[in-house]
């Protein structure tokens, strides 16, 4: 049941991006999923907020389903999926007027997420 609800949440987030992209006249959508160095979904979201700040996203906003912002004219959304005792997964979704920008911003955010380590 929980996995089904999580899948629905991810779908809703993706649809939100697509509807936001339509309003911004985006023609490209880029997705990338990465394993992060924590099993905690909450820590993954903290990492996503760190990435948004480090990469200087504009208009950063976060809620329980995503961390989002804008960079280089692209809308970026990062969502996290906790997977029990295994590493959490982050999905980076980028909508942009060009695929080159979407891929560059998405790749940069995904690589930064992969490299963050939780130090307790």
N, C-alpha and C. Protein backbone atom coordinates (compact mmCIF):
# COMPACT_ATOMS: atom_id res chain seq x y z
N UNK A 1 0.83 -1.19 0.00
CA UNK A 1 0.00 0.00 0.00
C UNK A 1 0.87 1.25 0.00
N UNK A 2 1.92 1.27 0.87
CA UNK A 2 2.78 2.45 0.95
C UNK A 2 3.51 2.70 -0.37
N UNK A 3 3.97 1.60 -1.02
CA UNK A 3 4.66 1.76 -2.30
C UNK A 3 3.71 2.32 -3.35
N UNK A 4 2.45 1.90 -3.33
CA UNK A 4 1.46 2.41 -4.27
C UNK A 4 1.23 3.90 -4.04
N UNK A 5 1.11 4.31 -2.80
CA UNK A 5 0.92 5.74 -2.50
C UNK A 5 2.13 6.55 -2.93
N UNK A 6 3.34 5.99 -2.72
CA UNK A 6 4.57 6.69 -3.10
C UNK A 6 4.61 6.83 -4.62
N UNK A 7 4.24 5.78 -5.34
CA UNK A 7 4.23 5.83 -6.81
C UNK A 7 3.25 6.88 -7.30
N UNK A 8 2.09 6.97 -6.66
CA UNK A 8 1.10 7.98 -7.02
C UNK A 8 1.66 9.38 -6.75
N UNK A 9 2.36 9.54 -5.64
CA UNK A 9 2.96 10.84 -5.30
C UNK A 9 3.97 11.26 -6.35
N UNK A 10 4.79 10.32 -6.80
CA UNK A 10 5.79 10.63 -7.82
C UNK A 10 5.11 11.01 -9.13
N UNK A 11 4.06 10.28 -9.49
CA UNK A 11 3.32 10.59 -10.70
C UNK A 11 2.73 11.99 -10.63
N UNK A 12 2.14 12.34 -9.50
CA UNK A 12 1.56 13.68 -9.32
C UNK A 12 2.64 14.74 -9.45
N UNK A 13 3.81 14.50 -8.85
CA UNK A 13 4.92 15.46 -8.96
C UNK A 13 5.34 15.62 -10.42
N UNK A 14 5.45 14.51 -11.14
CA UNK A 14 5.82 14.57 -12.54
C UNK A 14 4.79 15.33 -13.37
N UNK A 15 3.51 15.09 -13.10
CA UNK A 15 2.46 15.80 -13.82
C UNK A 15 2.46 17.28 -13.49
N UNK A 16 2.79 17.62 -12.24
CA UNK A 16 2.89 19.02 -11.85
C UNK A 16 3.98 19.70 -12.65
N UNK A 17 5.11 19.00 -12.81
CA UNK A 17 6.21 19.57 -13.60
C UNK A 17 5.77 19.78 -15.04
N UNK A 18 5.10 18.80 -15.60
CA UNK A 18 4.66 18.91 -16.98
C UNK A 18 3.69 20.08 -17.14
N UNK A 19 2.75 20.23 -16.20
CA UNK A 19 1.81 21.35 -16.31
C UNK A 19 2.52 22.68 -16.11
N UNK A 20 3.52 22.73 -15.21
CA UNK A 20 4.32 23.95 -15.04
C UNK A 20 5.13 24.23 -16.29
N UNK A 21 5.65 23.17 -16.90
CA UNK A 21 6.44 23.33 -18.12
C UNK A 21 5.59 23.91 -19.24
N UNK A 22 4.33 23.48 -19.34
CA UNK A 22 3.46 24.01 -20.39
C UNK A 22 3.27 25.50 -20.22
N UNK A 23 3.11 25.94 -18.98
CA UNK A 23 2.93 27.37 -18.73
C UNK A 23 4.19 28.15 -19.10
N UNK A 24 5.35 27.53 -18.98
CA UNK A 24 6.61 28.20 -19.27
C UNK A 24 7.07 27.94 -20.71
N UNK A 25 6.24 27.28 -21.51
CA UNK A 25 6.57 26.94 -22.88
C UNK A 25 7.80 26.05 -22.99
N UNK A 26 7.99 25.15 -22.07
CA UNK A 26 9.11 24.22 -22.13
C UNK A 26 8.84 23.19 -23.21
N UNK A 27 9.92 22.80 -23.89
CA UNK A 27 9.79 21.78 -24.92
C UNK A 27 10.59 20.54 -24.59
N UNK A 28 11.33 20.56 -23.49
CA UNK A 28 12.18 19.42 -23.13
C UNK A 28 11.96 19.04 -21.67
N UNK A 29 11.95 17.73 -21.44
CA UNK A 29 11.81 17.20 -20.09
C UNK A 29 12.90 16.16 -19.88
N UNK A 30 13.69 16.32 -18.83
CA UNK A 30 14.80 15.42 -18.55
C UNK A 30 14.60 14.81 -17.17
N UNK A 31 14.75 13.49 -17.06
CA UNK A 31 14.65 12.78 -15.79
C UNK A 31 15.96 12.06 -15.53
N UNK A 32 16.37 12.01 -14.29
CA UNK A 32 17.49 11.16 -13.89
C UNK A 32 17.25 10.68 -12.47
N UNK A 33 17.51 9.40 -12.22
CA UNK A 33 17.37 8.87 -10.87
C UNK A 33 18.75 8.47 -10.36
N UNK A 34 18.97 8.73 -9.08
CA UNK A 34 20.26 8.42 -8.47
C UNK A 34 20.04 7.85 -7.07
N UNK A 35 20.94 6.97 -6.68
CA UNK A 35 20.96 6.51 -5.30
C UNK A 35 21.75 7.51 -4.49
N UNK A 36 21.25 7.87 -3.32
CA UNK A 36 21.94 8.81 -2.45
C UNK A 36 22.58 8.04 -1.30
N UNK A 37 23.49 8.68 -0.61
CA UNK A 37 24.26 8.01 0.43
C UNK A 37 23.58 8.07 1.80
N UNK A 38 22.32 7.67 1.81
CA UNK A 38 21.56 7.54 3.05
C UNK A 38 20.37 6.63 2.77
N UNK A 39 19.87 5.98 3.80
CA UNK A 39 18.64 5.21 3.63
C UNK A 39 17.43 6.01 4.08
N UNK A 40 17.65 7.19 4.62
CA UNK A 40 16.58 8.03 5.16
C UNK A 40 16.01 8.96 4.09
N UNK A 41 14.71 8.89 3.89
CA UNK A 41 14.05 9.79 2.95
C UNK A 41 14.18 11.25 3.41
N UNK A 42 14.05 11.48 4.71
CA UNK A 42 14.16 12.85 5.23
C UNK A 42 15.55 13.42 4.98
N UNK A 43 16.58 12.60 5.16
CA UNK A 43 17.95 13.06 4.90
C UNK A 43 18.15 13.31 3.41
N UNK A 44 17.55 12.49 2.57
CA UNK A 44 17.62 12.70 1.12
C UNK A 44 17.04 14.08 0.76
N UNK A 45 15.91 14.43 1.36
CA UNK A 45 15.33 15.76 1.11
C UNK A 45 16.25 16.87 1.61
N UNK A 46 16.93 16.62 2.72
CA UNK A 46 17.90 17.60 3.21
C UNK A 46 19.03 17.76 2.20
N UNK A 47 19.50 16.64 1.64
CA UNK A 47 20.52 16.69 0.58
C UNK A 47 20.00 17.49 -0.62
N UNK A 48 18.75 17.26 -1.00
CA UNK A 48 18.16 17.96 -2.15
C UNK A 48 18.12 19.48 -1.89
N UNK A 49 17.77 19.88 -0.67
CA UNK A 49 17.80 21.30 -0.32
C UNK A 49 19.21 21.85 -0.40
N UNK A 50 20.19 21.06 0.06
CA UNK A 50 21.59 21.48 -0.02
C UNK A 50 22.02 21.69 -1.47
N UNK A 51 21.62 20.75 -2.35
CA UNK A 51 21.96 20.86 -3.77
C UNK A 51 21.34 22.12 -4.36
N UNK A 52 20.09 22.38 -4.06
CA UNK A 52 19.43 23.58 -4.58
C UNK A 52 20.16 24.85 -4.14
N UNK A 53 20.60 24.87 -2.90
CA UNK A 53 21.33 26.03 -2.38
C UNK A 53 22.72 26.14 -3.00
N UNK A 54 23.46 25.02 -3.04
CA UNK A 54 24.83 25.01 -3.56
C UNK A 54 24.85 25.40 -5.05
N UNK A 55 23.90 24.88 -5.81
CA UNK A 55 23.85 25.18 -7.24
C UNK A 55 23.11 26.48 -7.54
N UNK A 56 22.74 27.20 -6.51
CA UNK A 56 22.14 28.53 -6.61
C UNK A 56 20.84 28.53 -7.42
N UNK A 57 19.96 27.56 -7.12
CA UNK A 57 18.62 27.59 -7.71
C UNK A 57 17.94 28.87 -7.26
N UNK A 58 17.08 29.40 -8.08
CA UNK A 58 16.27 30.56 -7.75
C UNK A 58 14.88 30.09 -7.33
N UNK A 59 14.19 30.88 -6.53
CA UNK A 59 12.81 30.58 -6.10
C UNK A 59 12.69 29.17 -5.53
N UNK A 60 13.60 28.81 -4.64
CA UNK A 60 13.59 27.48 -4.04
C UNK A 60 12.36 27.32 -3.16
N UNK A 61 11.69 26.18 -3.32
CA UNK A 61 10.56 25.85 -2.47
C UNK A 61 10.60 24.35 -2.20
N UNK A 62 10.12 23.99 -1.04
CA UNK A 62 10.10 22.57 -0.71
C UNK A 62 8.83 22.24 0.06
N UNK A 63 8.40 21.00 -0.12
CA UNK A 63 7.27 20.47 0.62
C UNK A 63 7.55 19.00 0.86
N UNK A 64 6.58 18.24 1.28
CA UNK A 64 6.86 16.84 1.62
C UNK A 64 7.02 15.94 0.40
N UNK A 65 6.83 16.49 -0.82
CA UNK A 65 6.99 15.69 -2.03
C UNK A 65 8.16 16.11 -2.92
N UNK A 66 8.67 17.32 -2.73
CA UNK A 66 9.73 17.77 -3.62
C UNK A 66 10.50 18.95 -3.05
N UNK A 67 11.69 19.14 -3.63
CA UNK A 67 12.44 20.38 -3.50
C UNK A 67 12.53 20.90 -4.92
N UNK A 68 12.14 22.14 -5.14
CA UNK A 68 12.07 22.66 -6.51
C UNK A 68 12.66 24.06 -6.58
N UNK A 69 13.05 24.44 -7.78
CA UNK A 69 13.58 25.76 -8.02
C UNK A 69 13.85 25.95 -9.50
N UNK A 70 14.50 27.04 -9.83
CA UNK A 70 14.80 27.36 -11.22
C UNK A 70 16.28 27.62 -11.37
N UNK A 71 16.82 27.15 -12.49
CA UNK A 71 18.23 27.40 -12.80
C UNK A 71 18.38 27.47 -14.32
N UNK A 72 19.05 28.50 -14.79
CA UNK A 72 19.31 28.69 -16.23
C UNK A 72 18.04 28.61 -17.06
N UNK A 73 16.94 29.14 -16.55
CA UNK A 73 15.69 29.13 -17.28
C UNK A 73 14.93 27.82 -17.24
N UNK A 74 15.42 26.86 -16.45
CA UNK A 74 14.78 25.54 -16.34
C UNK A 74 14.10 25.41 -14.98
N UNK A 75 13.00 24.67 -14.96
CA UNK A 75 12.32 24.33 -13.71
C UNK A 75 12.86 22.98 -13.26
N UNK A 76 13.34 22.90 -12.02
CA UNK A 76 13.95 21.68 -11.49
C UNK A 76 13.14 21.20 -10.30
N UNK A 77 12.83 19.90 -10.28
CA UNK A 77 12.15 19.28 -9.15
C UNK A 77 12.92 18.03 -8.74
N UNK A 78 13.16 17.90 -7.45
CA UNK A 78 13.84 16.72 -6.91
C UNK A 78 12.92 16.09 -5.89
N UNK A 79 12.64 14.81 -6.07
CA UNK A 79 11.84 14.07 -5.10
C UNK A 79 12.66 12.90 -4.59
N UNK A 80 12.36 12.44 -3.39
CA UNK A 80 13.11 11.36 -2.76
C UNK A 80 12.19 10.20 -2.43
N UNK A 81 12.74 9.00 -2.52
CA UNK A 81 11.99 7.79 -2.22
C UNK A 81 12.80 6.96 -1.25
N UNK A 82 12.28 6.81 -0.02
CA UNK A 82 12.91 5.94 0.96
C UNK A 82 12.64 4.49 0.60
N UNK A 83 13.64 3.62 0.79
CA UNK A 83 13.49 2.23 0.39
C UNK A 83 13.90 1.28 1.51
N UNK A 84 13.51 1.62 2.73
CA UNK A 84 13.82 0.74 3.86
C UNK A 84 15.29 0.81 4.23
N UNK A 85 15.93 -0.34 4.28
CA UNK A 85 17.33 -0.40 4.71
C UNK A 85 18.33 -0.14 3.58
N UNK A 86 17.85 -0.05 2.34
CA UNK A 86 18.76 0.24 1.23
C UNK A 86 18.81 1.74 1.00
N UNK A 87 19.74 2.17 0.17
CA UNK A 87 19.88 3.60 -0.09
C UNK A 87 18.60 4.19 -0.66
N UNK A 88 18.29 5.39 -0.22
CA UNK A 88 17.15 6.13 -0.77
C UNK A 88 17.47 6.50 -2.22
N UNK A 89 16.43 6.78 -2.97
CA UNK A 89 16.59 7.16 -4.37
C UNK A 89 16.04 8.57 -4.55
N UNK A 90 16.76 9.36 -5.31
CA UNK A 90 16.29 10.69 -5.68
C UNK A 90 15.98 10.69 -7.17
N UNK A 91 14.91 11.36 -7.54
CA UNK A 91 14.56 11.53 -8.94
C UNK A 91 14.64 13.03 -9.23
N UNK A 92 15.49 13.38 -10.19
CA UNK A 92 15.67 14.77 -10.60
C UNK A 92 14.91 14.94 -11.92
N UNK A 93 14.00 15.90 -11.95
CA UNK A 93 13.19 16.16 -13.15
C UNK A 93 13.37 17.62 -13.54
N UNK A 94 13.65 17.85 -14.81
CA UNK A 94 13.92 19.21 -15.28
C UNK A 94 13.11 19.49 -16.53
N UNK A 95 12.40 20.60 -16.54
CA UNK A 95 11.67 21.08 -17.72
C UNK A 95 12.33 22.36 -18.19
N UNK A 96 12.60 22.43 -19.50
CA UNK A 96 13.34 23.56 -20.04
C UNK A 96 12.95 23.81 -21.50
N UNK A 97 13.18 25.02 -22.00
CA UNK A 97 12.92 25.28 -23.41
C UNK A 97 13.80 24.44 -24.35
N UNK A 98 15.00 24.03 -23.90
CA UNK A 98 15.87 23.21 -24.74
C UNK A 98 16.33 21.98 -23.97
N UNK A 99 16.52 20.90 -24.71
CA UNK A 99 16.98 19.67 -24.07
C UNK A 99 18.40 19.81 -23.53
N UNK A 100 19.24 20.58 -24.21
CA UNK A 100 20.61 20.76 -23.76
C UNK A 100 20.66 21.37 -22.36
N UNK A 101 19.84 22.38 -22.13
CA UNK A 101 19.79 23.02 -20.81
C UNK A 101 19.21 22.05 -19.78
N UNK A 102 18.12 21.36 -20.14
CA UNK A 102 17.50 20.40 -19.22
C UNK A 102 18.49 19.33 -18.81
N UNK A 103 19.21 18.77 -19.78
CA UNK A 103 20.18 17.71 -19.48
C UNK A 103 21.33 18.24 -18.63
N UNK A 104 21.84 19.41 -18.96
CA UNK A 104 22.97 19.97 -18.21
C UNK A 104 22.59 20.25 -16.77
N UNK A 105 21.45 20.87 -16.55
CA UNK A 105 21.01 21.19 -15.18
C UNK A 105 20.67 19.91 -14.42
N UNK A 106 19.97 18.98 -15.06
CA UNK A 106 19.62 17.72 -14.41
C UNK A 106 20.84 16.89 -14.05
N UNK A 107 21.78 16.80 -14.97
CA UNK A 107 23.00 16.04 -14.73
C UNK A 107 23.80 16.66 -13.59
N UNK A 108 23.91 17.98 -13.58
CA UNK A 108 24.65 18.68 -12.52
C UNK A 108 24.02 18.42 -11.15
N UNK A 109 22.70 18.53 -11.07
CA UNK A 109 22.00 18.30 -9.79
C UNK A 109 22.14 16.84 -9.36
N UNK A 110 21.97 15.89 -10.28
CA UNK A 110 22.08 14.47 -9.94
C UNK A 110 23.49 14.13 -9.45
N UNK A 111 24.51 14.63 -10.14
CA UNK A 111 25.88 14.35 -9.71
C UNK A 111 26.18 14.93 -8.34
N UNK A 112 25.67 16.12 -8.09
CA UNK A 112 25.89 16.74 -6.77
C UNK A 112 25.20 15.92 -5.68
N UNK A 113 23.99 15.44 -5.96
CA UNK A 113 23.26 14.60 -4.99
C UNK A 113 24.02 13.32 -4.69
N UNK A 114 24.57 12.69 -5.72
CA UNK A 114 25.33 11.44 -5.54
C UNK A 114 26.55 11.63 -4.64
N UNK A 115 27.11 12.82 -4.67
CA UNK A 115 28.35 13.05 -3.94
C UNK A 115 28.22 13.49 -2.51
N UNK A 116 27.02 13.81 -2.07
CA UNK A 116 26.84 14.30 -0.69
C UNK A 116 26.85 13.12 0.28
N UNK A 117 27.60 13.28 1.35
CA UNK A 117 27.68 12.26 2.39
C UNK A 117 27.18 12.83 3.70
N UNK A 118 26.39 12.05 4.42
CA UNK A 118 25.87 12.46 5.72
C UNK A 118 26.93 12.23 6.78
N UNK A 119 27.32 13.27 7.49
CA UNK A 119 28.30 13.14 8.56
C UNK A 119 27.59 13.41 9.88
N UNK A 120 27.51 12.38 10.72
CA UNK A 120 26.84 12.53 12.02
C UNK A 120 27.81 12.86 13.11
